[in-house]
Amino acid sequence: MRIRLGIGLRGACCVGALMVALAPCLACAALGEPESSVAGDVQQLEGSIKATQRANYRVHEIQLPSGTILREFATEGGTVFAVAWSGPMMPNLRQALGHYFDAYVAAAQATQGGRHHFQMKQGDLVIQSGGHMRRFSGRAYLPQAVPAGVSVDELH
């Protein structure tokens, strides 16, 4: 008698995808979180980083292997107040949005708008996303955390 154990390749892929989606973000400089863990993002996302100092904030630009660029904007006090992305693939928004990800998912599910553009303004959170295959872009920011003198138009 032969007993076959296992779930097969398709099942293993589904389980793997589920584990990645549900895994906590252990080292994220996610929206609203401390900037100090940006280096963890670079390692986890397998990207390269370039930091730029602006007048009253810093931009950490992470180049992902897919070609997508993820930017994390941090206040002088060290808090990520905005994230933005552009490129051929969507970044891991669970990681980029942190604890705001669930609000994004709920709003996206409730939206009856077009497939190529999403905009959400909810309390202390603004998310704008759009694009199509091989050309995605978007940003998320916390309006009350944007440093004085910084225009949200700079956050791209």
N, C-alpha and C. Protein backbone atom coordinates (compact mmCIF):
# COMPACT_ATOMS: atom_id res chain seq x y z
N MET A 1 0.84 -1.17 0.00
CA MET A 1 0.00 0.00 0.00
C MET A 1 0.89 1.24 0.00
N ARG A 2 0.57 2.17 -0.82
CA ARG A 2 1.35 3.39 -0.96
C ARG A 2 0.50 4.57 -0.53
N ILE A 3 1.01 5.33 0.39
CA ILE A 3 0.29 6.52 0.85
C ILE A 3 1.05 7.73 0.34
N ARG A 4 0.34 8.60 -0.30
CA ARG A 4 0.97 9.79 -0.86
C ARG A 4 0.70 10.97 0.08
N LEU A 5 1.76 11.54 0.58
CA LEU A 5 1.64 12.71 1.43
C LEU A 5 2.07 13.92 0.63
N GLY A 6 1.54 15.05 0.95
CA GLY A 6 1.93 16.27 0.26
C GLY A 6 0.74 16.94 -0.38
N ILE A 7 1.00 18.11 -0.87
CA ILE A 7 -0.09 18.90 -1.43
C ILE A 7 0.13 19.22 -2.90
N GLY A 8 1.22 18.76 -3.46
CA GLY A 8 1.49 19.02 -4.85
C GLY A 8 2.07 20.40 -5.09
N LEU A 9 2.55 20.63 -6.29
CA LEU A 9 3.19 21.89 -6.64
C LEU A 9 2.24 23.07 -6.55
N ARG A 10 1.04 22.91 -7.08
CA ARG A 10 0.07 24.01 -7.07
C ARG A 10 -0.29 24.38 -5.63
N GLY A 11 -0.53 23.38 -4.81
CA GLY A 11 -0.85 23.64 -3.40
C GLY A 11 0.31 24.28 -2.67
N ALA A 12 1.52 23.83 -2.96
CA ALA A 12 2.70 24.42 -2.32
C ALA A 12 2.85 25.88 -2.70
N CYS A 13 2.60 26.20 -3.97
CA CYS A 13 2.68 27.59 -4.41
C CYS A 13 1.63 28.45 -3.70
N CYS A 14 0.41 27.92 -3.57
CA CYS A 14 -0.65 28.66 -2.89
C CYS A 14 -0.30 28.88 -1.42
N VAL A 15 0.21 27.85 -0.78
CA VAL A 15 0.59 27.98 0.62
C VAL A 15 1.72 28.99 0.75
N GLY A 16 2.70 28.93 -0.15
CA GLY A 16 3.81 29.88 -0.11
C GLY A 16 3.35 31.31 -0.30
N ALA A 17 2.46 31.53 -1.25
CA ALA A 17 1.94 32.87 -1.49
C ALA A 17 1.16 33.38 -0.29
N LEU A 18 0.40 32.50 0.32
CA LEU A 18 -0.36 32.88 1.51
C LEU A 18 0.57 33.24 2.66
N MET A 19 1.64 32.48 2.83
CA MET A 19 2.58 32.77 3.91
C MET A 19 3.24 34.12 3.72
N VAL A 20 3.62 34.44 2.48
CA VAL A 20 4.23 35.73 2.20
C VAL A 20 3.25 36.86 2.47
N ALA A 21 2.00 36.68 2.06
CA ALA A 21 1.00 37.73 2.24
C ALA A 21 0.67 37.96 3.71
N LEU A 22 0.69 36.90 4.49
CA LEU A 22 0.32 37.03 5.89
C LEU A 22 1.50 37.27 6.81
N ALA A 23 2.71 37.14 6.31
CA ALA A 23 3.89 37.32 7.15
C ALA A 23 3.96 38.75 7.64
N PRO A 24 4.30 38.96 8.88
CA PRO A 24 4.44 40.32 9.37
C PRO A 24 5.67 40.98 8.76
N CYS A 25 5.62 42.25 8.64
CA CYS A 25 6.75 42.99 8.11
C CYS A 25 7.71 43.24 9.27
N LEU A 26 8.78 42.48 9.32
CA LEU A 26 9.68 42.53 10.46
C LEU A 26 10.60 43.73 10.45
N ALA A 27 10.97 44.21 9.30
CA ALA A 27 11.94 45.30 9.25
C ALA A 27 11.52 46.29 8.19
N CYS A 28 10.44 46.99 8.44
CA CYS A 28 9.92 47.91 7.44
C CYS A 28 9.98 49.35 7.91
N ALA A 29 10.33 50.21 7.01
CA ALA A 29 10.18 51.63 7.26
C ALA A 29 8.87 52.02 6.59
N ALA A 30 7.82 51.40 7.02
CA ALA A 30 6.51 51.60 6.42
C ALA A 30 5.96 52.97 6.78
N LEU A 31 4.94 53.35 6.06
CA LEU A 31 4.26 54.62 6.27
C LEU A 31 3.89 54.79 7.74
N GLY A 32 4.31 55.92 8.32
CA GLY A 32 4.02 56.22 9.71
C GLY A 32 4.97 55.59 10.71
N GLU A 33 5.93 54.80 10.24
CA GLU A 33 6.87 54.09 11.12
C GLU A 33 8.22 54.81 11.14
N PRO A 34 9.10 54.41 12.06
CA PRO A 34 10.44 55.04 12.13
C PRO A 34 11.27 54.79 10.87
N GLU A 35 12.02 55.79 10.51
CA GLU A 35 12.91 55.73 9.35
C GLU A 35 14.08 54.77 9.57
N SER A 36 14.40 54.49 10.79
CA SER A 36 15.61 53.74 11.12
C SER A 36 15.68 52.35 10.49
N SER A 37 14.56 51.82 10.05
CA SER A 37 14.59 50.47 9.49
C SER A 37 14.57 50.44 7.96
N VAL A 38 14.89 51.55 7.31
CA VAL A 38 14.95 51.57 5.85
C VAL A 38 15.95 50.53 5.35
N ALA A 39 17.08 50.39 6.04
CA ALA A 39 18.09 49.40 5.62
C ALA A 39 17.50 47.99 5.60
N GLY A 40 16.59 47.70 6.52
CA GLY A 40 15.92 46.40 6.52
C GLY A 40 15.05 46.23 5.30
N ASP A 41 14.42 47.31 4.84
CA ASP A 41 13.61 47.26 3.61
C ASP A 41 14.49 46.89 2.42
N VAL A 42 15.64 47.55 2.34
CA VAL A 42 16.54 47.31 1.22
C VAL A 42 16.93 45.83 1.18
N GLN A 43 17.27 45.28 2.34
CA GLN A 43 17.67 43.88 2.40
C GLN A 43 16.50 42.96 2.07
N GLN A 44 15.34 43.22 2.68
CA GLN A 44 14.17 42.36 2.46
C GLN A 44 13.69 42.42 1.02
N LEU A 45 13.76 43.59 0.41
CA LEU A 45 13.29 43.76 -0.96
C LEU A 45 14.38 43.45 -1.99
N GLU A 46 15.57 43.14 -1.51
CA GLU A 46 16.71 42.83 -2.37
C GLU A 46 16.98 43.96 -3.36
N GLY A 47 16.93 45.19 -2.85
CA GLY A 47 17.14 46.34 -3.71
C GLY A 47 18.42 47.08 -3.39
N SER A 48 18.62 48.16 -4.10
CA SER A 48 19.74 49.05 -3.81
C SER A 48 19.15 50.39 -3.42
N ILE A 49 19.89 51.16 -2.63
CA ILE A 49 19.34 52.39 -2.08
C ILE A 49 20.20 53.60 -2.40
N LYS A 50 19.51 54.73 -2.53
CA LYS A 50 20.16 56.03 -2.68
C LYS A 50 19.38 57.00 -1.78
N ALA A 51 20.06 57.68 -0.90
CA ALA A 51 19.41 58.64 -0.01
C ALA A 51 19.74 60.05 -0.45
N THR A 52 18.73 60.92 -0.37
CA THR A 52 18.89 62.32 -0.74
C THR A 52 18.33 63.19 0.38
N GLN A 53 19.08 64.18 0.79
CA GLN A 53 18.61 65.13 1.80
C GLN A 53 17.96 66.30 1.09
N ARG A 54 16.73 66.61 1.47
CA ARG A 54 16.03 67.79 0.95
C ARG A 54 16.02 68.85 2.06
N ALA A 55 15.39 69.96 1.83
CA ALA A 55 15.40 71.06 2.79
C ALA A 55 14.98 70.63 4.19
N ASN A 56 13.87 69.93 4.32
CA ASN A 56 13.42 69.52 5.66
C ASN A 56 12.89 68.09 5.71
N TYR A 57 13.40 67.24 4.81
CA TYR A 57 13.07 65.81 4.85
C TYR A 57 14.12 65.04 4.05
N ARG A 58 14.11 63.72 4.20
CA ARG A 58 15.01 62.84 3.46
C ARG A 58 14.20 61.90 2.57
N VAL A 59 14.79 61.56 1.43
CA VAL A 59 14.17 60.60 0.52
C VAL A 59 15.10 59.40 0.39
N HIS A 60 14.57 58.23 0.68
CA HIS A 60 15.30 56.98 0.50
C HIS A 60 14.70 56.31 -0.73
N GLU A 61 15.48 56.22 -1.79
CA GLU A 61 15.01 55.65 -3.04
C GLU A 61 15.56 54.23 -3.17
N ILE A 62 14.67 53.26 -3.20
CA ILE A 62 15.06 51.86 -3.28
C ILE A 62 14.74 51.34 -4.69
N GLN A 63 15.78 50.91 -5.38
CA GLN A 63 15.62 50.32 -6.72
C GLN A 63 15.42 48.83 -6.53
N LEU A 64 14.23 48.33 -6.89
CA LEU A 64 13.91 46.92 -6.74
C LEU A 64 14.43 46.13 -7.94
N PRO A 65 14.67 44.83 -7.79
CA PRO A 65 15.15 44.03 -8.91
C PRO A 65 14.22 44.06 -10.13
N SER A 66 12.93 44.31 -9.90
CA SER A 66 11.95 44.36 -10.99
C SER A 66 12.09 45.62 -11.84
N GLY A 67 12.86 46.60 -11.34
CA GLY A 67 12.97 47.88 -12.03
C GLY A 67 12.10 48.95 -11.39
N THR A 68 11.22 48.55 -10.50
CA THR A 68 10.37 49.50 -9.80
C THR A 68 11.19 50.28 -8.77
N ILE A 69 10.86 51.54 -8.62
CA ILE A 69 11.52 52.38 -7.62
C ILE A 69 10.51 52.69 -6.53
N LEU A 70 10.90 52.43 -5.29
CA LEU A 70 10.10 52.73 -4.11
C LEU A 70 10.80 53.83 -3.35
N ARG A 71 10.11 54.94 -3.12
CA ARG A 71 10.67 56.06 -2.38
C ARG A 71 9.98 56.16 -1.02
N GLU A 72 10.79 56.33 0.01
CA GLU A 72 10.27 56.52 1.36
C GLU A 72 10.73 57.88 1.83
N PHE A 73 9.78 58.74 2.19
CA PHE A 73 10.05 60.11 2.59
C PHE A 73 9.99 60.20 4.12
N ALA A 74 11.04 60.72 4.73
CA ALA A 74 11.11 60.76 6.18
C ALA A 74 11.35 62.18 6.69
N THR A 75 10.69 62.50 7.78
CA THR A 75 10.86 63.80 8.41
C THR A 75 12.25 63.89 9.05
N GLU A 76 12.65 65.08 9.41
CA GLU A 76 13.90 65.26 10.13
C GLU A 76 13.86 64.51 11.46
N GLY A 77 12.67 64.35 12.01
CA GLY A 77 12.50 63.61 13.26
C GLY A 77 12.58 62.10 13.10
N GLY A 78 12.62 61.63 11.86
CA GLY A 78 12.82 60.21 11.61
C GLY A 78 11.58 59.38 11.43
N THR A 79 10.47 59.98 10.98
CA THR A 79 9.23 59.23 10.74
C THR A 79 8.91 59.25 9.25
N VAL A 80 8.54 58.11 8.70
CA VAL A 80 8.17 58.03 7.29
C VAL A 80 6.77 58.63 7.14
N PHE A 81 6.68 59.74 6.40
CA PHE A 81 5.40 60.43 6.23
C PHE A 81 4.78 60.17 4.87
N ALA A 82 5.55 59.59 3.95
CA ALA A 82 5.02 59.29 2.62
C ALA A 82 5.85 58.19 1.96
N VAL A 83 5.19 57.47 1.06
CA VAL A 83 5.87 56.51 0.20
C VAL A 83 5.34 56.72 -1.22
N ALA A 84 6.18 56.48 -2.20
CA ALA A 84 5.77 56.61 -3.59
C ALA A 84 6.46 55.52 -4.39
N TRP A 85 5.85 55.13 -5.50
CA TRP A 85 6.41 54.07 -6.32
C TRP A 85 6.15 54.35 -7.78
N SER A 86 7.04 53.83 -8.62
CA SER A 86 6.86 53.91 -10.07
C SER A 86 7.69 52.82 -10.71
N GLY A 87 7.14 52.22 -11.74
CA GLY A 87 7.88 51.20 -12.45
C GLY A 87 7.01 50.13 -13.06
N PRO A 88 7.65 49.10 -13.57
CA PRO A 88 6.93 48.06 -14.30
C PRO A 88 6.11 47.11 -13.43
N MET A 89 6.40 47.06 -12.15
CA MET A 89 5.68 46.16 -11.23
C MET A 89 5.24 46.95 -10.01
N MET A 90 4.12 46.54 -9.43
CA MET A 90 3.70 47.13 -8.16
C MET A 90 4.64 46.63 -7.07
N PRO A 91 5.02 47.50 -6.14
CA PRO A 91 5.85 47.03 -5.02
C PRO A 91 4.97 46.28 -4.02
N ASN A 92 5.57 45.73 -3.01
CA ASN A 92 4.84 45.07 -1.94
C ASN A 92 4.16 46.16 -1.11
N LEU A 93 2.89 46.43 -1.39
CA LEU A 93 2.19 47.50 -0.68
C LEU A 93 1.93 47.15 0.78
N ARG A 94 1.84 45.89 1.10
CA ARG A 94 1.70 45.51 2.50
C ARG A 94 2.91 46.02 3.28
N GLN A 95 4.07 45.91 2.69
CA GLN A 95 5.29 46.37 3.35
C GLN A 95 5.36 47.89 3.34
N ALA A 96 5.07 48.51 2.23
CA ALA A 96 5.19 49.96 2.11
C ALA A 96 4.16 50.71 2.96
N LEU A 97 2.94 50.19 3.03
CA LEU A 97 1.88 50.88 3.76
C LEU A 97 1.79 50.48 5.22
N GLY A 98 2.41 49.39 5.59
CA GLY A 98 2.41 48.96 6.99
C GLY A 98 1.00 48.76 7.51
N HIS A 99 0.72 49.33 8.69
CA HIS A 99 -0.60 49.11 9.28
C HIS A 99 -1.73 49.84 8.54
N TYR A 100 -1.41 50.66 7.54
CA TYR A 100 -2.43 51.30 6.72
C TYR A 100 -2.89 50.39 5.57
N PHE A 101 -2.23 49.27 5.38
CA PHE A 101 -2.56 48.37 4.27
C PHE A 101 -4.00 47.88 4.33
N ASP A 102 -4.48 47.53 5.51
CA ASP A 102 -5.85 47.02 5.63
C ASP A 102 -6.88 48.07 5.21
N ALA A 103 -6.64 49.33 5.55
CA ALA A 103 -7.55 50.40 5.14
C ALA A 103 -7.54 50.54 3.62
N TYR A 104 -6.36 50.39 3.02
CA TYR A 104 -6.24 50.45 1.56
C TYR A 104 -7.04 49.32 0.91
N VAL A 105 -6.89 48.11 1.41
CA VAL A 105 -7.59 46.96 0.85
C VAL A 105 -9.10 47.14 0.96
N ALA A 106 -9.57 47.58 2.12
CA ALA A 106 -11.00 47.77 2.33
C ALA A 106 -11.55 48.83 1.37
N ALA A 107 -10.82 49.93 1.21
CA ALA A 107 -11.28 51.00 0.31
C ALA A 107 -11.24 50.53 -1.15
N ALA A 108 -10.21 49.78 -1.52
CA ALA A 108 -10.10 49.29 -2.89
C ALA A 108 -11.24 48.33 -3.22
N GLN A 109 -11.63 47.50 -2.26
CA GLN A 109 -12.72 46.56 -2.49
C GLN A 109 -14.06 47.28 -2.61
N ALA A 110 -14.21 48.39 -1.92
CA ALA A 110 -15.47 49.13 -1.93
C ALA A 110 -15.59 50.06 -3.13
N THR A 111 -14.49 50.34 -3.80
CA THR A 111 -14.48 51.27 -4.92
C THR A 111 -15.08 50.65 -6.17
N GLN A 112 -15.94 51.40 -6.81
CA GLN A 112 -16.56 50.96 -8.06
C GLN A 112 -15.97 51.70 -9.25
N GLY A 113 -14.86 52.41 -9.01
CA GLY A 113 -14.27 53.23 -10.08
C GLY A 113 -13.55 52.40 -11.13
N GLY A 114 -12.81 53.11 -11.96
CA GLY A 114 -12.08 52.46 -13.04
C GLY A 114 -10.97 51.56 -12.53
N ARG A 115 -10.55 50.66 -13.39
CA ARG A 115 -9.53 49.69 -13.02
C ARG A 115 -8.14 50.29 -13.01
N HIS A 116 -7.93 51.41 -13.68
CA HIS A 116 -6.59 51.93 -13.85
C HIS A 116 -6.24 53.07 -12.89
N HIS A 117 -7.18 53.48 -12.06
CA HIS A 117 -6.89 54.58 -11.14
C HIS A 117 -7.63 54.36 -9.82
N PHE A 118 -6.92 54.61 -8.74
CA PHE A 118 -7.51 54.47 -7.41
C PHE A 118 -7.11 55.68 -6.58
N GLN A 119 -8.07 56.26 -5.89
CA GLN A 119 -7.78 57.38 -5.00
C GLN A 119 -8.58 57.20 -3.73
N MET A 120 -7.91 57.42 -2.62
CA MET A 120 -8.54 57.25 -1.31
C MET A 120 -8.11 58.40 -0.41
N LYS A 121 -9.07 59.06 0.20
CA LYS A 121 -8.81 60.07 1.23
C LYS A 121 -9.65 59.67 2.41
N GLN A 122 -8.98 59.21 3.44
CA GLN A 122 -9.70 58.69 4.59
C GLN A 122 -8.98 59.12 5.87
N GLY A 123 -9.58 60.02 6.60
CA GLY A 123 -8.98 60.48 7.85
C GLY A 123 -7.57 61.01 7.64
N ASP A 124 -6.60 60.35 8.24
CA ASP A 124 -5.22 60.80 8.18
C ASP A 124 -4.42 60.15 7.06
N LEU A 125 -5.08 59.62 6.04
CA LEU A 125 -4.39 58.87 5.00
C LEU A 125 -4.89 59.24 3.61
N VAL A 126 -3.95 59.44 2.68
CA VAL A 126 -4.27 59.66 1.27
C VAL A 126 -3.47 58.65 0.46
N ILE A 127 -4.14 57.93 -0.42
CA ILE A 127 -3.47 56.99 -1.32
C ILE A 127 -3.97 57.24 -2.73
N GLN A 128 -3.03 57.35 -3.66
CA GLN A 128 -3.33 57.52 -5.07
C GLN A 128 -2.50 56.51 -5.84
N SER A 129 -3.14 55.75 -6.70
CA SER A 129 -2.42 54.72 -7.44
C SER A 129 -3.04 54.59 -8.82
N GLY A 130 -2.20 54.30 -9.79
CA GLY A 130 -2.72 54.13 -11.13
C GLY A 130 -1.72 53.43 -12.01
N GLY A 131 -2.13 53.22 -13.24
CA GLY A 131 -1.24 52.62 -14.21
C GLY A 131 -1.84 51.43 -14.89
N HIS A 132 -1.01 50.75 -15.60
CA HIS A 132 -1.38 49.55 -16.33
C HIS A 132 -0.14 48.68 -16.43
N MET A 133 -0.30 47.54 -17.02
CA MET A 133 0.79 46.58 -17.11
C MET A 133 2.10 47.24 -17.55
N ARG A 134 3.15 47.03 -16.74
CA ARG A 134 4.51 47.52 -16.96
C ARG A 134 4.67 49.02 -16.75
N ARG A 135 3.64 49.68 -16.20
CA ARG A 135 3.77 51.11 -15.92
C ARG A 135 2.83 51.49 -14.77
N PHE A 136 3.32 51.28 -13.55
CA PHE A 136 2.53 51.57 -12.36
C PHE A 136 3.16 52.74 -11.61
N SER A 137 2.32 53.49 -10.93
CA SER A 137 2.82 54.56 -10.07
C SER A 137 1.79 54.84 -9.00
N GLY A 138 2.25 55.45 -7.96
CA GLY A 138 1.34 55.81 -6.89
C GLY A 138 2.08 56.44 -5.73
N ARG A 139 1.29 56.87 -4.77
CA ARG A 139 1.86 57.44 -3.55
C ARG A 139 0.84 57.32 -2.44
N ALA A 140 1.36 57.32 -1.25
CA ALA A 140 0.53 57.33 -0.05
C ALA A 140 1.21 58.28 0.92
N TYR A 141 0.42 59.09 1.59
CA TYR A 141 1.01 60.02 2.55
C TYR A 141 0.04 60.33 3.67
N LEU A 142 0.62 60.82 4.73
CA LEU A 142 -0.13 61.22 5.92
C LEU A 142 -0.13 62.74 5.94
N PRO A 143 -1.22 63.40 5.52
CA PRO A 143 -1.23 64.86 5.38
C PRO A 143 -0.78 65.61 6.63
N GLN A 144 -1.18 65.13 7.80
CA GLN A 144 -0.81 65.84 9.03
C GLN A 144 0.66 65.69 9.37
N ALA A 145 1.36 64.72 8.75
CA ALA A 145 2.77 64.49 9.05
C ALA A 145 3.71 65.12 8.02
N VAL A 146 3.15 65.64 6.92
CA VAL A 146 3.99 66.28 5.90
C VAL A 146 4.63 67.51 6.53
N PRO A 147 5.95 67.61 6.45
CA PRO A 147 6.65 68.76 7.08
C PRO A 147 6.15 70.09 6.53
N ALA A 148 6.17 71.10 7.38
CA ALA A 148 5.79 72.45 6.97
C ALA A 148 6.64 72.89 5.80
N GLY A 149 6.01 73.51 4.83
CA GLY A 149 6.72 74.01 3.66
C GLY A 149 6.91 72.99 2.55
N VAL A 150 6.46 71.75 2.77
CA VAL A 150 6.60 70.71 1.76
C VAL A 150 5.26 70.55 1.04
N SER A 151 5.28 70.64 -0.27
CA SER A 151 4.08 70.44 -1.07
C SER A 151 3.93 68.96 -1.36
N VAL A 152 2.69 68.46 -1.31
CA VAL A 152 2.47 67.04 -1.62
C VAL A 152 2.82 66.75 -3.08
N ASP A 153 2.89 67.78 -3.93
CA ASP A 153 3.28 67.58 -5.32
C ASP A 153 4.73 67.12 -5.44
N GLU A 154 5.53 67.35 -4.39
CA GLU A 154 6.94 66.92 -4.37
C GLU A 154 7.05 65.42 -4.11
N LEU A 155 6.00 64.80 -3.64
CA LEU A 155 6.04 63.42 -3.18
C LEU A 155 5.70 62.46 -4.32
N HIS A 156 6.65 62.23 -5.17
CA HIS A 156 6.45 61.31 -6.29
C HIS A 156 7.70 60.52 -6.55
